[in-house]
Amino acid sequence: MSTTCSSPSSGCTSTWAQNEQVTSTFVYDGDCSFCTTCAEFIERRIPTHARVVPWQFADLDELGLTQQQCEESVQWVSSDQRGSGPDAIALLLSDAGRAWQLAGAGLRIGPVRLVAWPVYRWIADHRHLLPGGTAACSLPQAQRDALFGKTS
């Protein structure tokens, strides 16, 4: 099994490692309007075979993910690979058609990958200021639950 565990804080979990039949899944924050807008773009424009699902509706235990990992960055989980942040995006693109596969391969090139993480982190930290973003996008899930009630 080839594994891509790429976030500085993402650890591969034994639950995921034992689950060899995972449907490829791209997990995002469904409470963030900016993230949801991006996920809708993926579903409309990128011909991936993966499920694109908000973490709030995903079986995180089955995927071997934690809420903290999903709040930090988007996640990719498949039977043989996992990644987070720009690495998850690269894996998603690699699962799509040829032009998208080239973009995914480009994101995995060393110098590009080194730049992709700080850019991704900046976007994630400022997503509430981006088009489609709301103030709720900037809050951790526990604070969103306290202010707006539980989502699940």
N, C-alpha and C. Protein backbone atom coordinates (compact mmCIF):
# COMPACT_ATOMS: atom_id res chain seq x y z
N MET A 1 0.84 -1.17 0.00
CA MET A 1 0.00 0.00 0.00
C MET A 1 0.89 1.23 0.00
N SER A 2 0.67 2.12 -0.95
CA SER A 2 1.38 3.38 -1.03
C SER A 2 0.62 4.42 -0.23
N THR A 3 1.29 5.17 0.60
CA THR A 3 0.62 6.13 1.46
C THR A 3 1.22 7.50 1.28
N THR A 4 0.37 8.50 1.17
CA THR A 4 0.82 9.88 1.14
C THR A 4 0.23 10.56 2.36
N CYS A 5 0.99 10.69 3.41
CA CYS A 5 0.56 11.41 4.60
C CYS A 5 1.37 12.67 4.63
N SER A 6 0.75 13.78 4.33
CA SER A 6 1.56 14.91 3.95
C SER A 6 1.41 16.16 4.79
N SER A 7 0.35 16.30 5.54
CA SER A 7 0.23 17.50 6.35
C SER A 7 1.26 17.44 7.46
N PRO A 8 1.82 18.57 7.83
CA PRO A 8 2.78 18.54 8.92
C PRO A 8 2.20 17.92 10.19
N SER A 9 0.88 17.99 10.37
CA SER A 9 0.30 17.44 11.60
C SER A 9 -0.59 16.23 11.35
N SER A 10 -0.64 15.72 10.12
CA SER A 10 -1.53 14.59 9.87
C SER A 10 -0.80 13.29 10.15
N GLY A 11 -1.42 12.46 10.94
CA GLY A 11 -0.86 11.15 11.21
C GLY A 11 -1.73 10.10 10.58
N CYS A 12 -1.12 9.09 10.00
CA CYS A 12 -1.92 8.00 9.45
C CYS A 12 -2.47 7.20 10.62
N THR A 13 -3.73 6.87 10.56
CA THR A 13 -4.34 6.16 11.67
C THR A 13 -4.51 4.69 11.32
N SER A 14 -4.51 3.85 12.33
CA SER A 14 -4.61 2.42 12.10
C SER A 14 -5.96 2.05 11.51
N THR A 15 -7.03 2.79 11.85
CA THR A 15 -8.34 2.49 11.27
C THR A 15 -8.26 2.58 9.76
N TRP A 16 -7.66 3.65 9.25
CA TRP A 16 -7.56 3.81 7.82
C TRP A 16 -6.66 2.74 7.22
N ALA A 17 -5.55 2.47 7.87
CA ALA A 17 -4.59 1.51 7.33
C ALA A 17 -5.21 0.12 7.20
N GLN A 18 -6.16 -0.22 8.07
CA GLN A 18 -6.77 -1.54 8.03
C GLN A 18 -7.91 -1.59 7.02
N ASN A 19 -8.44 -0.46 6.60
CA ASN A 19 -9.60 -0.44 5.72
C ASN A 19 -9.14 -0.35 4.27
N GLU A 20 -9.00 -1.48 3.60
CA GLU A 20 -8.47 -1.53 2.25
C GLU A 20 -9.53 -1.24 1.18
N GLN A 21 -10.81 -1.21 1.54
CA GLN A 21 -11.87 -1.04 0.55
C GLN A 21 -12.53 0.33 0.64
N VAL A 22 -11.80 1.34 0.99
CA VAL A 22 -12.34 2.69 1.12
C VAL A 22 -12.62 3.24 -0.28
N THR A 23 -13.83 3.76 -0.49
CA THR A 23 -14.12 4.48 -1.73
C THR A 23 -13.34 5.79 -1.68
N SER A 24 -12.68 6.14 -2.76
CA SER A 24 -11.93 7.40 -2.78
C SER A 24 -12.86 8.53 -2.36
N THR A 25 -12.39 9.31 -1.39
CA THR A 25 -13.23 10.34 -0.79
C THR A 25 -12.43 11.61 -0.58
N PHE A 26 -13.02 12.73 -1.00
CA PHE A 26 -12.46 14.06 -0.78
C PHE A 26 -13.35 14.72 0.25
N VAL A 27 -12.77 15.11 1.38
CA VAL A 27 -13.54 15.63 2.52
C VAL A 27 -13.21 17.10 2.71
N TYR A 28 -14.27 17.91 2.86
CA TYR A 28 -14.11 19.35 3.05
C TYR A 28 -15.01 19.82 4.18
N ASP A 29 -14.90 21.09 4.54
CA ASP A 29 -15.71 21.67 5.62
C ASP A 29 -17.02 22.19 5.05
N GLY A 30 -18.10 21.47 5.30
CA GLY A 30 -19.41 21.83 4.77
C GLY A 30 -20.04 23.03 5.44
N ASP A 31 -19.51 23.49 6.57
CA ASP A 31 -20.03 24.68 7.22
C ASP A 31 -19.41 25.96 6.67
N CYS A 32 -18.44 25.82 5.81
CA CYS A 32 -17.76 26.97 5.21
C CYS A 32 -18.31 27.19 3.81
N SER A 33 -18.88 28.36 3.58
CA SER A 33 -19.45 28.67 2.27
C SER A 33 -18.40 28.65 1.17
N PHE A 34 -17.20 29.17 1.46
CA PHE A 34 -16.14 29.16 0.45
C PHE A 34 -15.76 27.72 0.10
N CYS A 35 -15.62 26.87 1.11
CA CYS A 35 -15.27 25.46 0.88
C CYS A 35 -16.37 24.75 0.08
N THR A 36 -17.61 25.04 0.43
CA THR A 36 -18.75 24.43 -0.26
C THR A 36 -18.80 24.88 -1.72
N THR A 37 -18.51 26.15 -1.97
CA THR A 37 -18.46 26.65 -3.34
C THR A 37 -17.38 25.93 -4.14
N CYS A 38 -16.23 25.71 -3.53
CA CYS A 38 -15.14 24.98 -4.19
C CYS A 38 -15.55 23.53 -4.45
N ALA A 39 -16.21 22.90 -3.48
CA ALA A 39 -16.66 21.51 -3.64
C ALA A 39 -17.68 21.40 -4.76
N GLU A 40 -18.56 22.38 -4.87
CA GLU A 40 -19.55 22.39 -5.95
C GLU A 40 -18.86 22.53 -7.30
N PHE A 41 -17.79 23.33 -7.36
CA PHE A 41 -17.01 23.45 -8.60
C PHE A 41 -16.41 22.09 -8.96
N ILE A 42 -15.86 21.41 -7.97
CA ILE A 42 -15.29 20.08 -8.21
C ILE A 42 -16.35 19.16 -8.78
N GLU A 43 -17.51 19.13 -8.16
CA GLU A 43 -18.57 18.23 -8.60
C GLU A 43 -19.06 18.56 -10.01
N ARG A 44 -19.06 19.84 -10.38
CA ARG A 44 -19.52 20.26 -11.71
C ARG A 44 -18.46 20.12 -12.79
N ARG A 45 -17.21 20.40 -12.44
CA ARG A 45 -16.18 20.58 -13.47
C ARG A 45 -15.05 19.55 -13.50
N ILE A 46 -14.84 18.85 -12.41
CA ILE A 46 -13.70 17.92 -12.36
C ILE A 46 -14.25 16.49 -12.34
N PRO A 47 -13.95 15.72 -13.39
CA PRO A 47 -14.53 14.38 -13.51
C PRO A 47 -13.82 13.34 -12.64
N THR A 48 -13.94 13.49 -11.35
CA THR A 48 -13.32 12.55 -10.43
C THR A 48 -14.29 11.40 -10.12
N HIS A 49 -13.74 10.27 -9.76
CA HIS A 49 -14.55 9.12 -9.34
C HIS A 49 -14.81 9.15 -7.84
N ALA A 50 -14.20 10.09 -7.16
CA ALA A 50 -14.28 10.17 -5.70
C ALA A 50 -15.61 10.74 -5.23
N ARG A 51 -15.97 10.35 -4.02
CA ARG A 51 -17.07 11.03 -3.33
C ARG A 51 -16.51 12.35 -2.83
N VAL A 52 -17.28 13.42 -2.99
CA VAL A 52 -16.90 14.73 -2.46
C VAL A 52 -17.92 15.01 -1.37
N VAL A 53 -17.46 15.02 -0.11
CA VAL A 53 -18.40 15.04 1.00
C VAL A 53 -17.92 15.98 2.12
N PRO A 54 -18.85 16.73 2.72
CA PRO A 54 -18.46 17.53 3.88
C PRO A 54 -18.14 16.62 5.05
N TRP A 55 -17.15 17.00 5.85
CA TRP A 55 -16.76 16.12 6.95
C TRP A 55 -17.90 15.94 7.95
N GLN A 56 -18.79 16.90 8.02
CA GLN A 56 -19.89 16.83 8.97
C GLN A 56 -20.84 15.67 8.65
N PHE A 57 -20.82 15.19 7.41
CA PHE A 57 -21.69 14.08 7.00
C PHE A 57 -20.90 12.83 6.63
N ALA A 58 -19.61 12.85 6.83
CA ALA A 58 -18.76 11.70 6.51
C ALA A 58 -18.60 10.83 7.76
N ASP A 59 -18.37 9.55 7.54
CA ASP A 59 -18.05 8.65 8.64
C ASP A 59 -16.54 8.75 8.87
N LEU A 60 -16.16 9.67 9.74
CA LEU A 60 -14.74 9.95 9.95
C LEU A 60 -13.99 8.74 10.48
N ASP A 61 -14.63 7.94 11.34
CA ASP A 61 -13.98 6.73 11.85
C ASP A 61 -13.66 5.77 10.71
N GLU A 62 -14.62 5.58 9.81
CA GLU A 62 -14.40 4.67 8.67
C GLU A 62 -13.26 5.17 7.79
N LEU A 63 -13.16 6.48 7.65
CA LEU A 63 -12.12 7.07 6.81
C LEU A 63 -10.78 7.19 7.54
N GLY A 64 -10.79 6.97 8.86
CA GLY A 64 -9.56 7.10 9.63
C GLY A 64 -9.14 8.54 9.82
N LEU A 65 -10.12 9.43 9.87
CA LEU A 65 -9.85 10.86 10.05
C LEU A 65 -10.40 11.34 11.38
N THR A 66 -9.85 12.45 11.84
CA THR A 66 -10.37 13.08 13.05
C THR A 66 -11.02 14.40 12.66
N GLN A 67 -11.87 14.90 13.53
CA GLN A 67 -12.49 16.20 13.30
C GLN A 67 -11.42 17.27 13.19
N GLN A 68 -10.40 17.19 14.04
CA GLN A 68 -9.32 18.19 14.00
C GLN A 68 -8.62 18.20 12.64
N GLN A 69 -8.33 17.03 12.08
CA GLN A 69 -7.69 16.97 10.76
C GLN A 69 -8.58 17.64 9.71
N CYS A 70 -9.88 17.38 9.79
CA CYS A 70 -10.82 17.93 8.80
C CYS A 70 -11.03 19.42 8.97
N GLU A 71 -10.90 19.92 10.20
CA GLU A 71 -11.00 21.36 10.41
C GLU A 71 -9.75 22.07 9.91
N GLU A 72 -8.61 21.38 9.97
CA GLU A 72 -7.33 21.98 9.52
C GLU A 72 -7.25 22.13 8.02
N SER A 73 -7.73 21.10 7.28
CA SER A 73 -7.56 21.12 5.83
C SER A 73 -8.44 20.08 5.17
N VAL A 74 -8.60 20.22 3.86
CA VAL A 74 -9.32 19.20 3.10
C VAL A 74 -8.53 17.90 3.19
N GLN A 75 -9.23 16.78 3.00
CA GLN A 75 -8.60 15.47 3.14
C GLN A 75 -8.94 14.60 1.93
N TRP A 76 -8.00 13.75 1.54
CA TRP A 76 -8.23 12.74 0.50
C TRP A 76 -7.93 11.40 1.14
N VAL A 77 -8.86 10.47 1.00
CA VAL A 77 -8.65 9.11 1.49
C VAL A 77 -9.08 8.15 0.39
N SER A 78 -8.18 7.23 0.04
CA SER A 78 -8.52 6.15 -0.90
C SER A 78 -7.92 4.87 -0.34
N SER A 79 -8.10 3.79 -1.06
CA SER A 79 -7.59 2.51 -0.58
C SER A 79 -6.07 2.49 -0.45
N ASP A 80 -5.39 3.28 -1.28
CA ASP A 80 -3.94 3.21 -1.27
C ASP A 80 -3.22 4.53 -1.02
N GLN A 81 -3.97 5.62 -0.85
CA GLN A 81 -3.33 6.91 -0.61
C GLN A 81 -4.18 7.78 0.28
N ARG A 82 -3.52 8.69 0.96
CA ARG A 82 -4.23 9.73 1.70
C ARG A 82 -3.37 10.97 1.71
N GLY A 83 -4.02 12.10 1.80
CA GLY A 83 -3.29 13.35 1.83
C GLY A 83 -4.20 14.44 2.38
N SER A 84 -3.62 15.55 2.70
CA SER A 84 -4.38 16.68 3.21
C SER A 84 -3.90 17.95 2.54
N GLY A 85 -4.75 18.99 2.61
CA GLY A 85 -4.39 20.28 2.03
C GLY A 85 -4.10 20.17 0.55
N PRO A 86 -3.05 20.81 0.07
CA PRO A 86 -2.75 20.78 -1.36
C PRO A 86 -2.40 19.37 -1.86
N ASP A 87 -1.93 18.50 -0.97
CA ASP A 87 -1.65 17.12 -1.38
C ASP A 87 -2.96 16.39 -1.66
N ALA A 88 -4.00 16.68 -0.88
CA ALA A 88 -5.32 16.10 -1.13
C ALA A 88 -5.87 16.60 -2.46
N ILE A 89 -5.67 17.88 -2.73
CA ILE A 89 -6.13 18.45 -4.00
C ILE A 89 -5.39 17.80 -5.16
N ALA A 90 -4.09 17.60 -5.02
CA ALA A 90 -3.30 16.94 -6.07
C ALA A 90 -3.80 15.52 -6.32
N LEU A 91 -4.12 14.79 -5.26
CA LEU A 91 -4.63 13.43 -5.42
C LEU A 91 -6.01 13.42 -6.08
N LEU A 92 -6.85 14.38 -5.72
CA LEU A 92 -8.16 14.51 -6.36
C LEU A 92 -7.99 14.76 -7.85
N LEU A 93 -7.12 15.70 -8.20
CA LEU A 93 -6.89 16.02 -9.61
C LEU A 93 -6.30 14.84 -10.36
N SER A 94 -5.45 14.07 -9.71
CA SER A 94 -4.85 12.88 -10.34
C SER A 94 -5.89 11.81 -10.63
N ASP A 95 -7.01 11.86 -9.92
CA ASP A 95 -8.09 10.90 -10.11
C ASP A 95 -9.00 11.30 -11.28
N ALA A 96 -8.81 12.52 -11.80
CA ALA A 96 -9.68 13.05 -12.87
C ALA A 96 -9.04 12.84 -14.24
N GLY A 97 -9.60 13.47 -15.26
CA GLY A 97 -9.12 13.33 -16.64
C GLY A 97 -7.72 13.87 -16.84
N ARG A 98 -7.22 13.68 -18.05
CA ARG A 98 -5.81 13.97 -18.36
C ARG A 98 -5.35 15.38 -18.02
N ALA A 99 -6.09 16.39 -18.42
CA ALA A 99 -5.65 17.76 -18.14
C ALA A 99 -5.58 17.98 -16.62
N TRP A 100 -6.56 17.47 -15.91
CA TRP A 100 -6.56 17.60 -14.45
C TRP A 100 -5.43 16.78 -13.84
N GLN A 101 -5.12 15.63 -14.43
CA GLN A 101 -4.02 14.81 -13.92
C GLN A 101 -2.70 15.55 -14.03
N LEU A 102 -2.51 16.30 -15.10
CA LEU A 102 -1.29 17.11 -15.25
C LEU A 102 -1.20 18.15 -14.15
N ALA A 103 -2.33 18.79 -13.85
CA ALA A 103 -2.34 19.78 -12.77
C ALA A 103 -2.02 19.11 -11.43
N GLY A 104 -2.57 17.92 -11.21
CA GLY A 104 -2.29 17.18 -9.98
C GLY A 104 -0.82 16.80 -9.87
N ALA A 105 -0.25 16.36 -10.99
CA ALA A 105 1.18 16.01 -11.01
C ALA A 105 2.03 17.25 -10.75
N GLY A 106 1.60 18.38 -11.31
CA GLY A 106 2.33 19.63 -11.10
C GLY A 106 2.36 20.04 -9.64
N LEU A 107 1.24 19.82 -8.93
CA LEU A 107 1.18 20.16 -7.51
C LEU A 107 2.11 19.29 -6.66
N ARG A 108 2.49 18.13 -7.18
CA ARG A 108 3.37 17.23 -6.41
C ARG A 108 4.85 17.46 -6.69
N ILE A 109 5.18 18.33 -7.63
CA ILE A 109 6.59 18.64 -7.92
C ILE A 109 7.16 19.38 -6.71
N GLY A 110 8.33 18.97 -6.27
CA GLY A 110 8.95 19.50 -5.05
C GLY A 110 8.82 20.99 -4.82
N PRO A 111 9.35 21.84 -5.72
CA PRO A 111 9.28 23.29 -5.47
C PRO A 111 7.83 23.80 -5.45
N VAL A 112 6.98 23.25 -6.30
CA VAL A 112 5.57 23.68 -6.32
C VAL A 112 4.90 23.29 -5.01
N ARG A 113 5.18 22.08 -4.56
CA ARG A 113 4.59 21.59 -3.30
C ARG A 113 5.05 22.43 -2.12
N LEU A 114 6.31 22.86 -2.13
CA LEU A 114 6.81 23.71 -1.05
C LEU A 114 6.07 25.04 -0.97
N VAL A 115 5.69 25.57 -2.13
CA VAL A 115 4.95 26.83 -2.17
C VAL A 115 3.46 26.58 -1.90
N ALA A 116 2.95 25.43 -2.34
CA ALA A 116 1.52 25.14 -2.22
C ALA A 116 1.05 25.12 -0.77
N TRP A 117 1.86 24.59 0.13
CA TRP A 117 1.42 24.51 1.54
C TRP A 117 1.22 25.88 2.17
N PRO A 118 2.16 26.81 2.07
CA PRO A 118 1.90 28.13 2.66
C PRO A 118 0.74 28.86 1.98
N VAL A 119 0.60 28.70 0.67
CA VAL A 119 -0.52 29.32 -0.03
C VAL A 119 -1.83 28.72 0.45
N TYR A 120 -1.88 27.39 0.56
CA TYR A 120 -3.09 26.72 1.05
C TYR A 120 -3.42 27.20 2.47
N ARG A 121 -2.41 27.25 3.32
CA ARG A 121 -2.64 27.67 4.71
C ARG A 121 -3.17 29.09 4.76
N TRP A 122 -2.62 30.00 3.92
CA TRP A 122 -3.10 31.38 3.89
C TRP A 122 -4.57 31.41 3.47
N ILE A 123 -4.91 30.67 2.40
CA ILE A 123 -6.30 30.63 1.94
C ILE A 123 -7.20 30.07 3.03
N ALA A 124 -6.80 28.98 3.66
CA ALA A 124 -7.61 28.37 4.72
C ALA A 124 -7.81 29.35 5.88
N ASP A 125 -6.78 30.08 6.24
CA ASP A 125 -6.88 31.03 7.35
C ASP A 125 -7.70 32.27 7.01
N HIS A 126 -7.85 32.57 5.72
CA HIS A 126 -8.57 33.78 5.29
C HIS A 126 -9.82 33.46 4.48
N ARG A 127 -10.27 32.21 4.52
CA ARG A 127 -11.41 31.81 3.68
C ARG A 127 -12.68 32.59 3.98
N HIS A 128 -12.81 33.09 5.19
CA HIS A 128 -13.99 33.88 5.53
C HIS A 128 -14.00 35.23 4.81
N LEU A 129 -12.86 35.65 4.27
CA LEU A 129 -12.77 36.92 3.55
C LEU A 129 -12.88 36.75 2.04
N LEU A 130 -12.85 35.50 1.57
CA LEU A 130 -12.86 35.21 0.13
C LEU A 130 -14.30 35.15 -0.39
N PRO A 131 -14.49 35.29 -1.71
CA PRO A 131 -15.84 35.22 -2.26
C PRO A 131 -16.55 33.94 -1.84
N GLY A 132 -17.77 34.08 -1.38
CA GLY A 132 -18.54 32.93 -0.91
C GLY A 132 -18.32 32.62 0.55
N GLY A 133 -17.31 33.23 1.15
CA GLY A 133 -17.00 32.97 2.56
C GLY A 133 -17.90 33.76 3.49
N THR A 134 -18.07 33.25 4.70
CA THR A 134 -18.84 33.95 5.73
C THR A 134 -18.01 33.97 7.00
N ALA A 135 -18.47 34.75 7.98
CA ALA A 135 -17.74 34.82 9.25
C ALA A 135 -17.64 33.45 9.90
N ALA A 136 -18.65 32.58 9.71
CA ALA A 136 -18.62 31.25 10.31
C ALA A 136 -17.47 30.41 9.76
N CYS A 137 -16.99 30.73 8.55
CA CYS A 137 -15.89 29.97 7.96
C CYS A 137 -14.61 30.05 8.79
N SER A 138 -14.47 31.10 9.58
CA SER A 138 -13.23 31.30 10.32
C SER A 138 -13.25 30.64 11.69
N LEU A 139 -14.37 30.08 12.09
CA LEU A 139 -14.49 29.53 13.45
C LEU A 139 -14.27 28.02 13.48
N PRO A 140 -13.60 27.52 14.52
CA PRO A 140 -13.52 26.07 14.71
C PRO A 140 -14.92 25.51 14.97
N GLN A 141 -15.13 24.23 14.71
CA GLN A 141 -16.44 23.62 14.83
C GLN A 141 -17.06 23.80 16.21
N ALA A 142 -16.29 23.68 17.27
CA ALA A 142 -16.85 23.82 18.63
C ALA A 142 -17.47 25.21 18.82
N GLN A 143 -16.82 26.24 18.30
CA GLN A 143 -17.37 27.59 18.40
C GLN A 143 -18.61 27.76 17.53
N ARG A 144 -18.60 27.14 16.34
CA ARG A 144 -19.78 27.21 15.47
C ARG A 144 -20.96 26.55 16.15
N ASP A 145 -20.72 25.39 16.78
CA ASP A 145 -21.80 24.68 17.50
C ASP A 145 -22.37 25.55 18.61
N ALA A 146 -21.50 26.23 19.35
CA ALA A 146 -21.95 27.07 20.45
C ALA A 146 -22.78 28.26 19.96
N LEU A 147 -22.38 28.83 18.84
CA LEU A 147 -23.08 30.01 18.32
C LEU A 147 -24.35 29.65 17.53
N PHE A 148 -24.26 28.62 16.71
CA PHE A 148 -25.33 28.34 15.75
C PHE A 148 -26.05 27.02 16.00
N GLY A 149 -25.64 26.25 17.01
CA GLY A 149 -26.23 24.94 17.27
C GLY A 149 -25.49 23.86 16.50
N LYS A 150 -25.64 22.63 16.94
CA LYS A 150 -24.96 21.49 16.29
C LYS A 150 -25.51 21.29 14.89
N THR A 151 -24.61 20.88 13.94
CA THR A 151 -25.01 20.65 12.57
C THR A 151 -25.42 19.21 12.32
N SER A 152 -25.07 18.30 13.19
CA SER A 152 -25.44 16.91 12.95
C SER A 152 -26.22 16.34 14.08
